[in-house]
Amino acid sequence: MSRTNQMEQLRWTDFEDFYSSTWQEVYRTLTVVVRDADLAREATDEAMVRAYQRWSQVRRYDNPSGWVYRVALNWARSRMRKLQRVDHIVIDQSVEPETPADPSLERAIAALPLHHREVIVLHYLFDLSGPQIAARLGIREGTVRSRLNRAVAALREELSDDV
């Protein structure tokens, strides 16, 4: 086997390990955030393709899975904007949660703006810390705290109206 083939095989094996350990987490997070399982699957796959194409660079990042998540989220956001511009296409907003949730809480979370919903999901559902969320989304920790505070306040207000 030539040196080039050996390097390509090593690159593939390294990426394959990353893919198998990361794909499910990115997909699950996106599914909850964008509330569309098909869109989340497409976005995750697209981000993984882009990661593989740049693997020699991406693998050296402090948080390669965070990079993949951000690429997938950006791709999904772009796709949602394009779909919303077309009047006759309706985006499926009915993702079935893995565990039963309080319907009023689910409605309140779904009503949050995407940037608030993603920090709520990452913090409370996936139990990520502020620094982990900041790294995953590529934003400052202060921005994470601010979004979390605003999202929680909006949820409290929405849920207190239901009582």
Protein backbone atom coordinates (compact mmCIF):
# COMPACT_ATOMS: atom_id res chain seq x y z
CA MET A 1 0.00 0.00 0.00
CA SER A 2 1.43 3.38 -0.96
CA ARG A 3 2.01 6.15 1.56
CA THR A 4 -0.87 8.15 0.07
CA ASN A 5 -3.26 5.23 0.41
CA GLN A 6 -2.11 4.65 3.99
CA MET A 7 -2.72 8.30 4.86
CA GLU A 8 -6.17 8.20 3.23
CA GLN A 9 -7.05 5.02 5.12
CA LEU A 10 -5.90 6.58 8.42
CA ARG A 11 -7.92 9.74 7.65
CA TRP A 12 -11.02 7.65 6.91
CA THR A 13 -10.66 5.51 10.07
CA ASP A 14 -10.20 8.60 12.24
CA PHE A 15 -13.25 10.29 10.70
CA GLU A 16 -15.29 7.09 10.91
CA ASP A 17 -14.69 6.97 14.68
CA PHE A 18 -15.68 10.63 14.99
CA TYR A 19 -18.79 10.12 12.86
CA SER A 20 -20.01 7.10 14.81
CA SER A 21 -19.52 8.83 18.15
CA THR A 22 -21.00 12.21 17.11
CA TRP A 23 -23.74 11.80 14.50
CA GLN A 24 -26.52 10.71 16.87
CA GLU A 25 -25.90 13.53 19.37
CA VAL A 26 -25.89 16.22 16.68
CA TYR A 27 -29.01 14.76 15.06
CA ARG A 28 -30.95 14.47 18.33
CA THR A 29 -30.07 18.02 19.37
CA LEU A 30 -31.05 19.45 16.00
CA THR A 31 -34.29 17.47 15.94
CA VAL A 32 -35.39 19.08 19.16
CA VAL A 33 -34.15 22.55 18.22
CA VAL A 34 -35.57 22.75 14.68
CA ARG A 35 -38.56 20.50 15.44
CA ASP A 36 -38.28 18.62 12.15
CA ALA A 37 -36.63 15.19 12.17
CA ASP A 38 -36.15 15.04 8.39
CA LEU A 39 -34.56 18.47 8.26
CA ALA A 40 -32.32 17.57 11.22
CA ARG A 41 -31.19 14.37 9.49
CA GLU A 42 -30.42 16.22 6.26
CA ALA A 43 -28.56 18.97 8.08
CA THR A 44 -26.53 16.51 10.15
CA ASP A 45 -25.58 14.54 7.06
CA GLU A 46 -24.63 17.72 5.20
CA ALA A 47 -22.47 18.91 8.10
CA MET A 48 -20.75 15.52 8.33
CA VAL A 49 -19.94 15.62 4.61
CA ARG A 50 -18.43 19.06 5.05
CA ALA A 51 -16.47 17.85 8.09
CA TYR A 52 -15.08 14.93 6.11
CA GLN A 53 -14.07 17.21 3.23
CA ARG A 54 -12.11 19.36 5.71
CA TRP A 55 -11.23 16.63 8.19
CA SER A 56 -7.51 17.39 8.31
CA GLN A 57 -8.42 20.86 9.62
CA VAL A 58 -11.62 20.08 11.58
CA ARG A 59 -10.02 17.26 13.58
CA ARG A 60 -7.60 19.81 15.10
CA TYR A 61 -10.36 22.07 16.43
CA ASP A 62 -10.91 22.16 20.19
CA ASN A 63 -14.49 21.02 19.63
CA PRO A 64 -15.02 19.27 16.26
CA SER A 65 -18.52 18.11 17.25
CA GLY A 66 -19.42 21.72 18.07
CA TRP A 67 -18.22 22.74 14.62
CA VAL A 68 -20.38 20.05 13.03
CA TYR A 69 -23.39 21.14 15.11
CA ARG A 70 -22.96 24.79 14.09
CA VAL A 71 -22.62 23.87 10.41
CA ALA A 72 -25.72 21.67 10.65
CA LEU A 73 -27.71 24.34 12.49
CA ASN A 74 -26.70 27.03 10.00
CA TRP A 75 -27.62 24.75 7.10
CA ALA A 76 -31.00 23.95 8.72
CA ARG A 77 -31.71 27.64 9.36
CA SER A 78 -30.92 28.46 5.75
CA ARG A 79 -33.14 25.63 4.53
CA MET A 80 -36.01 26.74 6.80
CA ARG A 81 -35.76 30.31 5.48
CA LYS A 82 -35.85 29.04 1.89
CA LEU A 83 -38.82 26.81 2.58
CA GLN A 84 -40.73 29.57 4.36
CA ARG A 85 -40.34 31.81 1.29
CA VAL A 86 -42.28 29.34 -0.80
CA ASP A 87 -45.97 29.80 -0.02
CA HIS A 88 -47.14 26.32 -0.95
CA ILE A 89 -44.56 24.45 1.18
CA VAL A 90 -45.29 24.02 4.87
CA ILE A 91 -42.52 23.06 7.30
CA ASP A 92 -43.42 20.11 9.50
CA GLN A 93 -43.39 21.42 13.07
CA SER A 94 -44.55 18.16 14.68
CA VAL A 95 -41.52 16.26 15.91
CA GLU A 96 -42.44 13.53 18.34
CA PRO A 97 -40.34 13.84 21.51
CA GLU A 98 -38.48 10.74 22.68
CA THR A 99 -40.06 11.01 26.12
CA PRO A 100 -43.54 12.31 26.85
CA ALA A 101 -43.49 15.95 27.88
CA ASP A 102 -46.02 18.28 29.43
CA PRO A 103 -47.97 19.56 26.40
CA SER A 104 -48.06 23.13 27.73
CA LEU A 105 -44.29 23.11 28.27
CA GLU A 106 -43.75 21.65 24.82
CA ARG A 107 -45.93 24.38 23.26
CA ALA A 108 -44.13 27.08 25.24
CA ILE A 109 -40.70 25.82 24.13
CA ALA A 110 -41.86 25.55 20.52
CA ALA A 111 -43.03 29.18 20.66
CA LEU A 112 -39.57 30.43 21.64
CA PRO A 113 -37.37 31.99 18.97
CA LEU A 114 -34.85 29.49 17.61
CA HIS A 115 -31.85 31.12 19.35
CA HIS A 116 -33.63 30.82 22.73
CA ARG A 117 -34.94 27.33 22.05
CA GLU A 118 -31.47 26.01 21.21
CA VAL A 119 -29.90 27.17 24.50
CA ILE A 120 -32.84 25.78 26.50
CA VAL A 121 -32.57 22.42 24.74
CA LEU A 122 -28.78 22.22 25.05
CA HIS A 123 -28.82 23.23 28.73
CA TYR A 124 -31.83 21.39 30.12
CA LEU A 125 -32.31 18.45 27.78
CA PHE A 126 -28.67 17.68 26.97
CA ASP A 127 -27.28 18.97 30.29
CA LEU A 128 -24.54 21.09 28.72
CA SER A 129 -22.89 23.83 30.75
CA GLY A 130 -22.70 27.47 29.69
CA PRO A 131 -19.13 27.12 28.39
CA GLN A 132 -20.06 23.94 26.49
CA ILE A 133 -23.07 25.67 24.90
CA ALA A 134 -20.93 28.68 24.00
CA ALA A 135 -18.37 26.41 22.33
CA ARG A 136 -21.04 24.42 20.52
CA LEU A 137 -22.80 27.51 19.16
CA GLY A 138 -19.72 29.68 18.67
CA ILE A 139 -21.03 32.47 20.90
CA ARG A 140 -19.82 34.06 24.13
CA GLU A 141 -20.71 32.62 27.52
CA GLY A 142 -22.39 35.92 28.42
CA THR A 143 -24.62 35.54 25.37
CA VAL A 144 -25.55 32.03 26.50
CA ARG A 145 -26.44 33.30 29.99
CA SER A 146 -28.47 36.17 28.54
CA ARG A 147 -30.38 33.91 26.15
CA LEU A 148 -31.03 31.36 28.89
CA ASN A 149 -32.33 34.05 31.25
CA ARG A 150 -34.61 35.51 28.58
CA ALA A 151 -35.84 32.10 27.48
CA VAL A 152 -36.58 30.98 31.04
CA ALA A 153 -38.40 34.27 31.71
CA ALA A 154 -40.48 33.80 28.55
CA LEU A 155 -41.29 30.21 29.55
CA ARG A 156 -42.31 31.31 33.06
CA GLU A 157 -44.56 33.98 31.64
CA GLU A 158 -46.12 31.63 29.10
CA LEU A 159 -46.62 28.84 31.61
CA SER A 160 -48.03 31.14 34.31
CA ASP A 161 -50.68 32.23 31.79
CA ASP A 162 -51.75 28.58 31.47
CA VAL A 163 -52.32 28.18 35.22
